[in-house]
């Protein structure tokens, strides 16, 4: 079974499974397809954290496709340009594109098929066309003037004939198709060995013609970014050549008798685990069934979940990053969870309240110690959530796969958005802009340091039962990814809803949490909720001091999931919001 944020990706993944491939092969094929058909949400030059589970021996792992800061990207270098934040768009926000390397690493280590088998469908869509999502057309319309005026290489791709393509029309990207075909030609030239072909394509991307084109463009062509000025960037061919995707252990927590797996604190994944640990300390197993029967109990559940999220995300701001001294073991301990649980009161709390794991004093970035920043209307910046209530084209992509052997993959490809970075000439795709997640302030876990990974919001996940059952899951959504999945998990693991019903149920999130993206906005005590929670619940939350924003009935969350039940049946579910997610299987 395959579930993803786009029906074409799900269909291609299923085709690979039907042809005898395993879950890892199918995930790679689906991942390449979303990079073509959802260009406003991810691209071949983006980022891709992946969590996998090999059923034969229970091996569960992370493949890190989050690229790192360039060697020349230092706090001083940005400060010398008069910047106090990394711009959200353009060359200065570029990090090493990690998605392509991560997909190839997963294919080489765990897949069975050749690169031709899993990349050809994406190349065909780029060459022959696909129906452009209406949301993608709206995104192009939003940044039309910027593309036409400042980013001519992007205008050539996204404004064919000088016009915004219509939603639903056939859209092609010949330059991207040619890039894929050249990578496949490099693979074939390496001979008949599968692994040699995959490595040849990797070298062509990170040490060959792709790296050369990136180097020439970023270093040689200034482009206007969200600072309002034109800059060249720091990313070079040497940065690409020195980077490889890595495999590492998952970070895990026991909850509701299962094990939940996330990435380490170079991503925000552990913030989900922290929330579950604190909710467990607060007796959420009793709150969830009660909430299904009573508006007052549902109000209490939503309030509790939001207050716990605020505490966990405050810890994210103070402690998370690609640093050696993140106190992750303590942050996920039951003792620390109990300590944090005592801070949850009956009313909405204000401010950011990070804890003191191991007695250490938390330090928040200077910007977050000042007043809240309003949401700026800057086209193309951040992760394209479009608005604080999630009424958007979407925000990132997600793919879940389970095969007949029980292998599972959860992947959240993102970055390289058409609206955030100009297309590299001759390649047909933009670069990732996740350097905007670094702080230009020394001494923080997420301070900009050359070679460091930005603390990504991308957050794939697995839940595994002791008997081998369990499911891959995840969602697009930037900072909301590890909020929207909390009510989903509570309703499924504790409330008895099946995967689809848990996805369909009304959702919410806190906008009190500072955004990870330029310009780092947040809304004090903000709570965004789907109206299907009910008028009584929304009024009850407002009475507790939450700044409630009604997001409409079907707007929050893009969750999908795929897995194995304890009786051996495969299961999958996809998000109905936006009417493009799709689950398929047999």
Protein backbone atom coordinates (compact mmCIF):
# COMPACT_ATOMS: atom_id res chain seq x y z
CA UNK A 1 0.00 0.00 0.00
CA UNK A 2 1.02 3.58 -0.66
CA UNK A 3 -0.43 6.76 0.80
CA UNK A 4 0.82 10.20 -0.14
CA UNK A 5 -0.10 13.81 -0.69
CA UNK A 6 -0.58 13.33 -4.45
CA UNK A 7 -2.49 10.65 -6.32
CA UNK A 8 0.13 10.32 -9.05
CA UNK A 9 2.87 9.57 -6.51
CA UNK A 10 0.68 6.96 -4.83
CA UNK A 11 -0.10 5.39 -8.20
CA UNK A 12 3.55 5.22 -9.24
CA UNK A 13 4.56 3.77 -5.88
CA UNK A 14 1.90 1.09 -6.27
CA UNK A 15 3.10 0.33 -9.79
CA UNK A 16 6.58 -0.34 -8.41
CA UNK A 17 5.17 -2.67 -5.75
CA UNK A 18 3.13 -4.53 -8.36
CA UNK A 19 6.29 -4.93 -10.45
CA UNK A 20 7.99 -6.75 -7.57
CA UNK A 21 9.74 -3.86 -5.86
CA UNK A 22 9.77 -3.45 -2.13
CA UNK A 23 8.62 -0.51 0.03
CA UNK A 24 11.99 1.21 -0.30
CA UNK A 25 11.89 1.06 -4.11
CA UNK A 26 8.32 2.37 -4.11
CA UNK A 27 9.09 5.22 -1.73
CA UNK A 28 11.96 6.40 -3.94
CA UNK A 29 9.78 6.33 -7.06
CA UNK A 30 6.95 8.17 -5.31
CA UNK A 31 9.39 10.68 -3.86
CA UNK A 32 10.78 11.54 -7.26
CA UNK A 33 7.25 11.96 -8.63
CA UNK A 34 6.11 14.44 -5.95
CA UNK A 35 9.23 16.50 -6.71
CA UNK A 36 7.84 16.95 -10.22
CA UNK A 37 4.07 17.20 -9.74
CA UNK A 38 4.09 19.33 -6.55
CA UNK A 39 6.76 21.91 -7.50
CA UNK A 40 5.44 24.50 -5.06
CA UNK A 41 5.87 22.01 -2.21
CA UNK A 42 9.10 20.16 -2.99
CA UNK A 43 11.65 19.65 -5.71
CA UNK A 44 14.56 17.42 -6.77
CA UNK A 45 16.92 19.94 -5.17
CA UNK A 46 15.15 19.95 -1.82
CA UNK A 47 15.42 18.08 1.48
CA UNK A 48 14.16 14.60 2.46
CA UNK A 49 14.38 13.04 5.93
CA UNK A 50 13.27 9.40 5.73
CA UNK A 51 12.45 6.79 8.38
CA UNK A 52 12.41 3.14 7.35
CA UNK A 53 11.67 -0.22 8.96
CA UNK A 54 13.03 -3.50 7.57
CA UNK A 55 10.66 -6.25 8.64
CA UNK A 56 13.04 -9.18 8.23
CA UNK A 57 15.14 -8.20 11.24
CA UNK A 58 13.23 -5.30 12.79
CA UNK A 59 15.89 -2.76 11.79
CA UNK A 60 14.45 0.76 12.06
CA UNK A 61 16.55 3.67 10.82
CA UNK A 62 16.74 7.26 9.62
CA UNK A 63 18.22 8.33 6.30
CA UNK A 64 19.09 12.00 6.68
CA UNK A 65 18.51 13.93 3.48
CA UNK A 66 18.80 17.31 5.17
CA UNK A 67 21.65 19.22 3.58
CA UNK A 68 24.08 21.36 5.54
CA UNK A 69 25.17 25.00 5.61
CA UNK A 70 27.87 25.94 3.09
CA UNK A 71 31.48 26.19 4.26
CA UNK A 72 31.53 29.96 3.67
CA UNK A 73 28.20 30.60 5.42
CA UNK A 74 29.09 32.14 8.78
CA UNK A 75 27.26 34.46 11.13
CA UNK A 76 29.85 37.15 10.36
CA UNK A 77 29.35 36.78 6.61
CA UNK A 78 25.62 37.49 6.90
CA UNK A 79 26.14 40.27 9.44
CA UNK A 80 28.58 41.91 7.03
CA UNK A 81 25.70 42.09 4.57
CA UNK A 82 23.62 43.98 7.13
CA UNK A 83 21.34 41.04 7.89
CA UNK A 84 20.02 39.89 11.28
CA UNK A 85 18.04 37.00 9.80
CA UNK A 86 18.87 34.72 6.88
CA UNK A 87 16.52 35.74 4.06
CA UNK A 88 13.68 33.34 3.38
CA UNK A 89 14.27 33.28 -0.38
CA UNK A 90 17.13 33.39 -2.84
CA UNK A 91 20.77 32.30 -2.85
CA UNK A 92 21.65 33.27 0.72
CA UNK A 93 19.17 30.75 2.10
CA UNK A 94 20.59 27.82 0.12
CA UNK A 95 21.95 24.70 1.78
CA UNK A 96 23.25 21.54 0.14
CA UNK A 97 20.35 19.84 -1.69
CA UNK A 98 19.92 16.57 0.21
CA UNK A 99 16.82 14.93 -1.27
CA UNK A 100 18.45 13.33 -4.32
CA UNK A 101 21.25 11.84 -2.27
CA UNK A 102 18.85 10.53 0.35
CA UNK A 103 16.66 8.77 -2.20
CA UNK A 104 19.70 7.17 -3.82
CA UNK A 105 21.07 6.11 -0.45
CA UNK A 106 17.76 4.44 0.46
CA UNK A 107 17.62 2.73 -2.91
CA UNK A 108 21.20 1.45 -2.71
CA UNK A 109 21.02 0.16 0.86
CA UNK A 110 17.51 -1.26 1.01
CA UNK A 111 15.96 -1.28 -2.44
CA UNK A 112 16.09 -3.94 -5.15
CA UNK A 113 15.48 -2.02 -8.36
CA UNK A 114 17.70 -0.03 -10.66
CA UNK A 115 17.64 3.76 -10.76
CA UNK A 116 16.02 3.60 -14.20
CA UNK A 117 13.04 1.75 -12.71
CA UNK A 118 12.32 4.33 -10.02
CA UNK A 119 13.32 7.60 -11.72
CA UNK A 120 11.82 7.02 -15.17
CA UNK A 121 8.20 7.75 -14.12
CA UNK A 122 9.17 11.17 -12.73
CA UNK A 123 11.18 11.91 -15.86
CA UNK A 124 8.19 10.99 -18.00
CA UNK A 125 5.88 13.36 -16.11
CA UNK A 126 8.41 16.17 -16.48
CA UNK A 127 8.82 15.45 -20.19
CA UNK A 128 5.26 14.57 -21.24
CA UNK A 129 3.30 16.60 -18.73
CA UNK A 130 0.93 16.26 -15.80
CA UNK A 131 -2.19 18.15 -14.69
CA UNK A 132 -0.92 21.18 -12.76
CA UNK A 133 -2.50 21.43 -9.35
CA UNK A 134 -4.74 24.50 -8.99
CA UNK A 135 -2.81 25.29 -5.81
CA UNK A 136 0.43 25.31 -7.79
CA UNK A 137 -1.11 27.68 -10.34
CA UNK A 138 -2.23 29.97 -7.50
CA UNK A 139 1.28 29.94 -6.07
CA UNK A 140 2.77 30.89 -9.44
CA UNK A 141 0.22 33.70 -9.72
CA UNK A 142 1.20 34.95 -6.25
CA UNK A 143 4.88 35.29 -7.19
CA UNK A 144 4.36 36.09 -10.87
CA UNK A 145 5.79 39.60 -10.74
CA UNK A 146 8.82 38.46 -8.78
CA UNK A 147 9.56 35.69 -11.29
CA UNK A 148 9.01 37.92 -14.31
CA UNK A 149 11.00 40.85 -12.92
CA UNK A 150 13.79 39.30 -10.87
CA UNK A 151 14.08 35.55 -11.54
CA UNK A 152 14.14 35.09 -15.34
CA UNK A 153 15.35 31.49 -15.11
CA UNK A 154 12.24 30.67 -13.07
CA UNK A 155 9.97 32.60 -15.42
CA UNK A 156 11.18 30.39 -18.27
CA UNK A 157 9.91 27.31 -16.43
CA UNK A 158 6.89 28.47 -14.40
CA UNK A 159 5.53 31.13 -16.80
CA UNK A 160 5.49 29.31 -20.16
CA UNK A 161 4.76 31.81 -22.90
CA UNK A 162 4.90 34.56 -20.27
CA UNK A 163 1.59 33.52 -18.68
CA UNK A 164 0.55 31.76 -15.50
CA UNK A 165 -0.51 28.22 -16.45
CA UNK A 166 -4.08 27.31 -15.63
CA UNK A 167 -4.85 24.88 -12.86
CA UNK A 168 -5.55 21.46 -14.35
CA UNK A 169 -3.70 22.22 -17.59
CA UNK A 170 -0.94 20.00 -18.93
CA UNK A 171 2.36 21.26 -17.56
CA UNK A 172 5.81 20.15 -18.66
CA UNK A 173 9.32 20.89 -17.44
CA UNK A 174 11.62 19.92 -20.31
CA UNK A 175 14.77 21.13 -18.55
CA UNK A 176 14.08 18.94 -15.53
CA UNK A 177 13.30 15.98 -17.79
CA UNK A 178 16.65 16.49 -19.51
CA UNK A 179 18.43 16.60 -16.14
CA UNK A 180 16.84 13.31 -15.11
CA UNK A 181 17.68 11.73 -18.46
CA UNK A 182 21.30 12.86 -18.19
CA UNK A 183 21.57 11.39 -14.69
CA UNK A 184 20.15 8.11 -16.00
CA UNK A 185 22.61 8.17 -18.90
CA UNK A 186 25.48 8.62 -16.43
CA UNK A 187 24.13 5.64 -14.49
CA UNK A 188 23.96 3.40 -17.56
CA UNK A 189 27.46 4.39 -18.58
CA UNK A 190 28.77 2.91 -15.31
CA UNK A 191 28.03 -0.62 -16.53
CA UNK A 192 25.55 -3.31 -15.57
CA UNK A 193 26.07 -3.32 -11.79
CA UNK A 194 23.08 -1.79 -9.96
CA UNK A 195 25.10 -0.22 -7.15
CA UNK A 196 27.65 1.20 -9.57
CA UNK A 197 24.85 2.82 -11.57
CA UNK A 198 23.35 4.44 -8.45
CA UNK A 199 26.77 5.75 -7.37
CA UNK A 200 27.47 7.13 -10.84
CA UNK A 201 24.23 9.12 -10.76
CA UNK A 202 25.09 10.39 -7.28
CA UNK A 203 28.50 11.56 -8.47
CA UNK A 204 26.97 13.26 -11.51
CA UNK A 205 24.69 15.21 -9.20
CA UNK A 206 27.07 16.08 -6.35
CA UNK A 207 30.41 16.14 -8.16
CA UNK A 208 29.48 16.53 -11.82
CA UNK A 209 27.28 18.64 -14.07
CA UNK A 210 24.61 19.45 -11.45
CA UNK A 211 27.15 20.70 -8.89
CA UNK A 212 28.92 22.72 -11.59
CA UNK A 213 25.69 24.44 -12.63
CA UNK A 214 24.80 25.22 -9.02
CA UNK A 215 28.24 26.66 -8.33
CA UNK A 216 28.19 28.91 -11.40
CA UNK A 217 24.68 30.23 -10.70
CA UNK A 218 24.84 30.80 -6.94
CA UNK A 219 28.27 32.39 -7.01
CA UNK A 220 27.96 34.26 -10.28
CA UNK A 221 24.42 35.60 -10.58
CA UNK A 222 23.01 37.92 -7.88
CA UNK A 223 19.27 37.47 -7.34
CA UNK A 224 16.77 39.52 -5.36
CA UNK A 225 15.69 37.84 -2.14
CA UNK A 226 13.28 38.63 0.70
CA UNK A 227 15.66 41.28 2.03
CA UNK A 228 14.69 43.33 -1.01
CA UNK A 229 18.25 43.32 -2.35
CA UNK A 230 20.16 41.16 -4.83
CA UNK A 231 22.82 38.82 -3.49
CA UNK A 232 24.98 35.98 -4.66
CA UNK A 233 25.24 33.04 -2.27
CA UNK A 234 27.73 30.91 -0.40
CA UNK A 235 26.89 27.43 -1.75
CA UNK A 236 29.64 25.93 -3.95
CA UNK A 237 30.42 22.75 -5.84
CA UNK A 238 32.82 21.81 -3.06
CA UNK A 239 29.93 21.90 -0.57
CA UNK A 240 27.98 19.42 -2.67
CA UNK A 241 30.98 17.17 -3.23
CA UNK A 242 31.78 16.93 0.48
CA UNK A 243 28.22 15.94 1.52
CA UNK A 244 26.61 12.50 1.59
CA UNK A 245 23.32 11.27 2.99
CA UNK A 246 23.82 9.46 6.29
CA UNK A 247 22.03 6.68 8.14
CA UNK A 248 21.49 6.97 11.88
CA UNK A 249 19.31 5.50 14.63
CA UNK A 250 15.82 6.78 15.30
CA UNK A 251 14.85 8.65 18.45
CA UNK A 252 12.09 6.73 20.20
CA UNK A 253 9.54 6.82 23.01
CA UNK A 254 7.13 4.27 24.43
CA UNK A 255 3.53 5.50 24.35
CA UNK A 256 0.25 3.61 24.65
CA UNK A 257 2.12 0.30 24.57
CA UNK A 258 3.89 1.07 21.29
CA UNK A 259 7.19 2.62 20.23
CA UNK A 260 7.06 5.92 18.35
CA UNK A 261 10.11 6.63 16.16
CA UNK A 262 11.31 10.06 15.02
CA UNK A 263 14.56 11.72 13.91
CA UNK A 264 17.06 13.20 16.36
CA UNK A 265 17.02 16.86 17.42
CA UNK A 266 18.55 18.14 14.16
CA UNK A 267 14.89 17.97 13.21
CA UNK A 268 11.88 18.89 15.28
CA UNK A 269 10.73 15.24 15.48
CA UNK A 270 11.46 14.75 19.20
CA UNK A 271 9.00 17.53 20.00
CA UNK A 272 6.22 15.04 19.19
CA UNK A 273 7.72 12.58 21.64
CA UNK A 274 7.97 15.25 24.31
CA UNK A 275 4.30 16.10 23.87
CA UNK A 276 3.28 12.46 24.16
CA UNK A 277 5.39 12.01 27.30
CA UNK A 278 3.83 15.03 29.03
CA UNK A 279 0.32 14.06 27.92
CA UNK A 280 0.92 10.60 29.33
CA UNK A 281 1.94 12.17 32.65
CA UNK A 282 -1.33 14.17 32.59
CA UNK A 283 -3.49 11.05 32.12
CA UNK A 284 -4.49 11.68 28.52
CA UNK A 285 -5.67 8.06 28.22
CA UNK A 286 -8.71 9.09 30.28
CA UNK A 287 -9.23 12.44 28.52
CA UNK A 288 -9.49 11.01 25.00
CA UNK A 289 -12.51 8.71 25.43
CA UNK A 290 -14.30 11.35 27.51
CA UNK A 291 -13.72 13.96 24.78
CA UNK A 292 -15.64 11.84 22.29
CA UNK A 293 -18.79 12.16 24.39
CA UNK A 294 -18.81 15.69 25.80
CA UNK A 295 -18.08 19.19 24.45
CA UNK A 296 -16.70 20.20 27.84
CA UNK A 297 -14.34 17.21 27.87
CA UNK A 298 -13.29 17.95 24.28
CA UNK A 299 -12.54 21.53 25.30
CA UNK A 300 -10.38 20.20 28.13
CA UNK A 301 -8.54 17.85 25.76
CA UNK A 302 -7.81 20.54 23.15
CA UNK A 303 -6.70 22.99 25.85
CA UNK A 304 -4.40 20.41 27.41
CA UNK A 305 -2.86 19.37 24.10
CA UNK A 306 -2.23 23.00 23.11
CA UNK A 307 -0.65 23.91 26.44
CA UNK A 308 1.60 20.87 26.25
CA UNK A 309 2.60 21.81 22.71
CA UNK A 310 3.60 25.29 23.86
CA UNK A 311 5.87 23.81 26.51
CA UNK A 312 7.45 21.26 24.16
CA UNK A 313 8.05 23.78 21.39
CA UNK A 314 9.61 26.20 23.88
CA UNK A 315 12.09 23.41 24.59
CA UNK A 316 12.60 23.04 20.85
CA UNK A 317 13.59 26.69 20.62
CA UNK A 318 15.98 26.47 23.56
CA UNK A 319 17.56 23.04 23.12
CA UNK A 320 17.13 21.54 19.61
CA UNK A 321 19.64 21.72 16.80
CA UNK A 322 22.46 19.88 15.04
CA UNK A 323 24.68 20.19 18.10
CA UNK A 324 26.53 17.63 20.20
CA UNK A 325 25.16 18.64 23.58
CA UNK A 326 21.38 18.47 23.12
CA UNK A 327 20.05 16.92 26.39
CA UNK A 328 17.66 14.68 24.49
CA UNK A 329 17.65 11.76 26.92
CA UNK A 330 16.52 14.04 29.75
CA UNK A 331 14.02 15.91 27.59
CA UNK A 332 12.31 12.58 26.84
CA UNK A 333 12.50 11.17 30.37
CA UNK A 334 9.41 10.47 32.46
CA UNK A 335 10.78 12.58 35.32
CA UNK A 336 11.18 15.63 33.08
CA UNK A 337 7.71 15.02 31.56
CA UNK A 338 6.18 15.00 35.04
CA UNK A 339 7.96 18.24 35.87
CA UNK A 340 6.65 19.92 32.72
CA UNK A 341 3.15 18.54 33.26
CA UNK A 342 2.85 20.50 36.51
CA UNK A 343 3.01 23.73 34.47
CA UNK A 344 -0.24 23.00 32.61
CA UNK A 345 -2.99 25.09 34.20
CA UNK A 346 -6.68 25.72 33.48
CA UNK A 347 -6.02 28.85 31.37
CA UNK A 348 -3.93 29.63 28.31
CA UNK A 349 -0.38 30.51 29.32
CA UNK A 350 1.59 33.29 27.69
CA UNK A 351 5.26 33.53 26.88
CA UNK A 352 7.81 30.84 26.03
CA UNK A 353 8.69 28.62 28.99
CA UNK A 354 11.57 26.29 28.17
CA UNK A 355 12.64 23.89 30.89
CA UNK A 356 15.99 23.26 32.57
CA UNK A 357 16.98 19.67 31.75
CA UNK A 358 19.86 18.44 33.91
CA UNK A 359 19.75 21.79 35.71
CA UNK A 360 20.98 23.65 32.64
CA UNK A 361 19.81 27.23 32.07
CA UNK A 362 17.84 27.62 28.82
CA UNK A 363 18.73 30.36 26.37
CA UNK A 364 16.26 31.55 23.78
CA UNK A 365 17.34 33.44 20.66
CA UNK A 366 17.30 37.20 21.21
CA UNK A 367 14.51 37.68 18.67
CA UNK A 368 12.21 35.38 20.65
CA UNK A 369 12.96 37.20 23.87
CA UNK A 370 11.44 40.33 22.35
CA UNK A 371 7.83 41.05 21.45
CA UNK A 372 5.88 38.79 19.14
CA UNK A 373 6.43 39.38 15.45
CA UNK A 374 3.34 39.77 13.27
CA UNK A 375 2.89 37.60 10.21
CA UNK A 376 4.47 39.48 7.30
CA UNK A 377 3.02 39.16 3.82
CA UNK A 378 6.21 38.37 1.94
CA UNK A 379 5.66 36.27 -1.15
CA UNK A 380 7.67 33.11 -1.41
CA UNK A 381 9.22 32.98 2.05
CA UNK A 382 9.26 30.17 4.56
CA UNK A 383 7.65 26.82 4.12
CA UNK A 384 4.68 27.64 1.94
CA UNK A 385 1.88 27.32 4.46
CA UNK A 386 0.35 30.41 2.88
CA UNK A 387 -1.33 31.55 6.06
CA UNK A 388 -1.33 30.87 9.78
CA UNK A 389 -4.55 28.88 9.48
CA UNK A 390 -3.21 26.52 6.87
CA UNK A 391 -5.54 27.69 4.11
CA UNK A 392 -2.87 27.14 1.55
CA UNK A 393 -1.66 25.28 -1.49
CA UNK A 394 -0.09 22.97 1.05
CA UNK A 395 3.28 22.83 2.64
CA UNK A 396 5.73 20.10 1.82
CA UNK A 397 4.89 16.56 0.65
CA UNK A 398 4.65 13.21 2.38
CA UNK A 399 4.88 9.55 1.31
CA UNK A 400 4.10 6.37 3.32
CA UNK A 401 4.62 2.85 1.98
CA UNK A 402 4.14 -0.68 3.31
CA UNK A 403 4.89 -3.78 1.24
CA UNK A 404 3.75 -7.40 1.47
CA UNK A 405 6.81 -8.29 3.54
CA UNK A 406 5.98 -5.65 6.15
CA UNK A 407 8.73 -3.17 5.27
CA UNK A 408 7.63 0.40 5.96
CA UNK A 409 8.80 3.85 4.91
CA UNK A 410 7.79 7.32 6.07
CA UNK A 411 9.31 10.19 4.08
CA UNK A 412 8.73 13.95 4.13
CA UNK A 413 10.37 15.48 1.06
CA UNK A 414 10.31 19.27 0.88
CA UNK A 415 12.28 22.34 -0.14
CA UNK A 416 13.40 23.57 -3.52
CA UNK A 417 10.08 25.40 -3.83
CA UNK A 418 9.39 27.31 -7.04
CA UNK A 419 8.44 30.41 -5.03
CA UNK A 420 11.46 30.45 -2.73
CA UNK A 421 14.50 29.99 -4.96
CA UNK A 422 15.25 30.70 -8.62
CA UNK A 423 15.63 27.82 -11.03
CA UNK A 424 19.23 26.82 -11.68
CA UNK A 425 19.86 27.42 -15.40
CA UNK A 426 19.77 24.23 -17.41
CA UNK A 427 18.60 22.03 -14.52
CA UNK A 428 14.90 22.90 -14.26
CA UNK A 429 14.77 23.01 -10.47
CA UNK A 430 15.50 25.45 -7.60
CA UNK A 431 17.62 24.95 -4.49
CA UNK A 432 16.53 24.45 -0.88
CA UNK A 433 16.23 27.55 1.30
CA UNK A 434 16.36 25.97 4.75
CA UNK A 435 19.33 28.07 5.92
CA UNK A 436 16.62 30.54 6.96
CA UNK A 437 16.05 28.27 9.97
CA UNK A 438 19.46 29.10 11.44
CA UNK A 439 19.93 31.90 13.95
CA UNK A 440 22.54 34.57 13.20
CA UNK A 441 23.53 34.51 16.85
CA UNK A 442 26.43 32.50 18.26
CA UNK A 443 26.13 29.93 21.03
CA UNK A 444 22.69 28.44 20.29
CA UNK A 445 22.00 24.82 19.30
CA UNK A 446 20.64 26.14 16.00
CA UNK A 447 23.18 28.89 15.41
CA UNK A 448 24.54 29.09 11.88
CA UNK A 449 27.73 27.05 11.68
CA UNK A 450 29.31 25.87 8.41
CA UNK A 451 28.59 22.17 7.85
CA UNK A 452 25.73 22.12 10.35
CA UNK A 453 22.21 20.96 9.48
CA UNK A 454 19.46 23.55 10.00
CA UNK A 455 16.90 22.39 12.55
CA UNK A 456 14.39 21.21 10.00
CA UNK A 457 10.66 21.00 10.58
CA UNK A 458 10.44 17.92 8.36
CA UNK A 459 9.25 15.09 10.56
CA UNK A 460 8.51 11.57 9.23
CA UNK A 461 7.43 9.00 11.81
CA UNK A 462 6.74 5.34 12.56
CA UNK A 463 4.68 3.64 15.27
CA UNK A 464 5.70 0.03 15.87
CA UNK A 465 3.93 -2.56 18.02
CA UNK A 466 5.87 -5.24 19.84
CA UNK A 467 4.37 -7.91 17.55
CA UNK A 468 5.71 -6.21 14.41
CA UNK A 469 2.50 -4.42 13.52
CA UNK A 470 2.43 -0.64 13.20
CA UNK A 471 2.37 2.12 10.65
CA UNK A 472 4.33 4.86 8.93
CA UNK A 473 2.74 8.30 9.08
CA UNK A 474 3.37 11.99 8.68
CA UNK A 475 2.13 15.25 7.26
CA UNK A 476 3.28 18.41 5.53
CA UNK A 477 2.83 21.58 7.56
CA UNK A 478 6.07 23.17 8.71
CA UNK A 479 5.90 23.84 12.43
CA UNK A 480 2.44 22.25 12.52
CA UNK A 481 3.68 18.80 11.49
CA UNK A 482 4.29 17.69 15.06
CA UNK A 483 1.09 19.32 16.24
CA UNK A 484 -1.45 17.94 13.76
CA UNK A 485 -0.18 14.41 14.34
CA UNK A 486 -0.87 14.59 18.09
CA UNK A 487 -4.70 14.47 17.93
CA UNK A 488 -4.37 11.89 15.13
CA UNK A 489 -2.29 9.60 17.34
CA UNK A 490 -4.45 10.15 20.41
CA UNK A 491 -7.63 9.27 18.55
CA UNK A 492 -6.09 6.22 16.90
CA UNK A 493 -3.99 4.80 19.72
CA UNK A 494 -6.24 5.73 22.64
CA UNK A 495 -9.62 6.52 21.13
CA UNK A 496 -10.07 3.44 18.96
CA UNK A 497 -10.55 5.25 15.64
CA UNK A 498 -9.08 3.60 12.56
CA UNK A 499 -6.39 5.45 10.62
CA UNK A 500 -8.78 7.12 8.18
CA UNK A 501 -11.26 8.24 10.84
CA UNK A 502 -8.41 9.62 12.95
CA UNK A 503 -7.13 11.62 9.96
CA UNK A 504 -10.62 12.88 9.11
CA UNK A 505 -11.46 14.07 12.65
CA UNK A 506 -11.30 17.84 13.27
CA UNK A 507 -7.87 19.16 14.11
CA UNK A 508 -6.16 22.17 15.68
CA UNK A 509 -2.74 23.67 16.42
CA UNK A 510 -1.10 26.44 18.42
CA UNK A 511 0.14 29.54 16.57
CA UNK A 512 1.72 30.71 19.83
CA UNK A 513 4.68 28.61 18.73
CA UNK A 514 7.33 30.70 16.92
CA UNK A 515 7.65 29.81 13.25
CA UNK A 516 10.91 28.25 12.15
CA UNK A 517 10.86 30.26 8.93
CA UNK A 518 11.60 33.86 8.07
CA UNK A 519 10.36 36.22 9.52
CA UNK A 520 9.81 34.04 12.65
CA UNK A 521 6.26 35.23 13.36
CA UNK A 522 3.96 33.97 16.11
CA UNK A 523 0.63 34.90 17.71
CA UNK A 524 0.60 35.04 21.52
CA UNK A 525 -1.83 32.43 22.88
CA UNK A 526 -2.94 31.77 19.30
CA UNK A 527 -5.02 28.62 18.74
CA UNK A 528 -6.15 27.68 15.24
CA UNK A 529 -9.00 25.16 15.06
CA UNK A 530 -11.31 23.56 12.54
CA UNK A 531 -14.90 24.68 13.06
CA UNK A 532 -16.07 21.06 13.19
CA UNK A 533 -14.90 21.00 16.80
CA UNK A 534 -18.15 22.86 17.47
CA UNK A 535 -19.17 26.34 18.57
CA UNK A 536 -19.31 25.32 22.22
CA UNK A 537 -15.74 24.03 22.14
CA UNK A 538 -14.36 27.12 20.37
CA UNK A 539 -16.18 29.37 22.84
CA UNK A 540 -14.90 27.33 25.76
CA UNK A 541 -11.33 27.66 24.52
CA UNK A 542 -11.71 31.42 24.11
CA UNK A 543 -13.03 31.62 27.67
CA UNK A 544 -9.79 30.00 28.84
CA UNK A 545 -7.78 32.78 27.27
CA UNK A 546 -6.87 31.26 23.91
CA UNK A 547 -6.86 33.62 20.91
CA UNK A 548 -9.04 31.31 18.83
CA UNK A 549 -9.01 31.48 15.05
CA UNK A 550 -11.65 29.50 13.18
CA UNK A 551 -9.95 27.83 10.22
CA UNK A 552 -13.15 26.52 8.66
CA UNK A 553 -14.34 22.94 8.63
CA UNK A 554 -11.64 21.13 6.58
CA UNK A 555 -8.31 22.95 6.52
CA UNK A 556 -5.76 21.66 9.06
CA UNK A 557 -3.51 18.68 8.51
CA UNK A 558 -2.31 16.71 5.48
CA UNK A 559 -1.72 13.39 7.26
CA UNK A 560 -1.30 10.05 5.52
CA UNK A 561 -0.40 6.65 6.92
CA UNK A 562 0.33 3.07 5.83
CA UNK A 563 1.08 -0.01 7.86
CA UNK A 564 0.33 -3.52 9.06
CA UNK A 565 -2.39 -4.55 11.51
CA UNK A 566 -1.81 -7.20 14.16
CA UNK A 567 -3.90 -9.65 12.12
CA UNK A 568 -1.55 -9.22 9.15
CA UNK A 569 -3.82 -7.07 6.98
CA UNK A 570 -2.21 -4.03 5.37
CA UNK A 571 -3.89 -0.67 6.01
CA UNK A 572 -3.49 2.82 4.59
CA UNK A 573 -5.26 6.16 4.77
CA UNK A 574 -4.90 9.58 3.18
CA UNK A 575 -5.97 13.13 3.86
CA UNK A 576 -9.25 14.31 2.28
CA UNK A 577 -8.48 18.01 2.80
CA UNK A 578 -7.58 19.60 -0.52
CA UNK A 579 -8.78 16.54 -2.43
CA UNK A 580 -5.39 15.41 -3.73
CA UNK A 581 -4.03 12.97 -1.15
CA UNK A 582 -4.52 9.33 -2.07
CA UNK A 583 -4.16 5.88 -0.54
CA UNK A 584 -3.98 2.81 -2.75
CA UNK A 585 -3.24 -0.86 -2.22
CA UNK A 586 -4.35 -4.43 -2.60
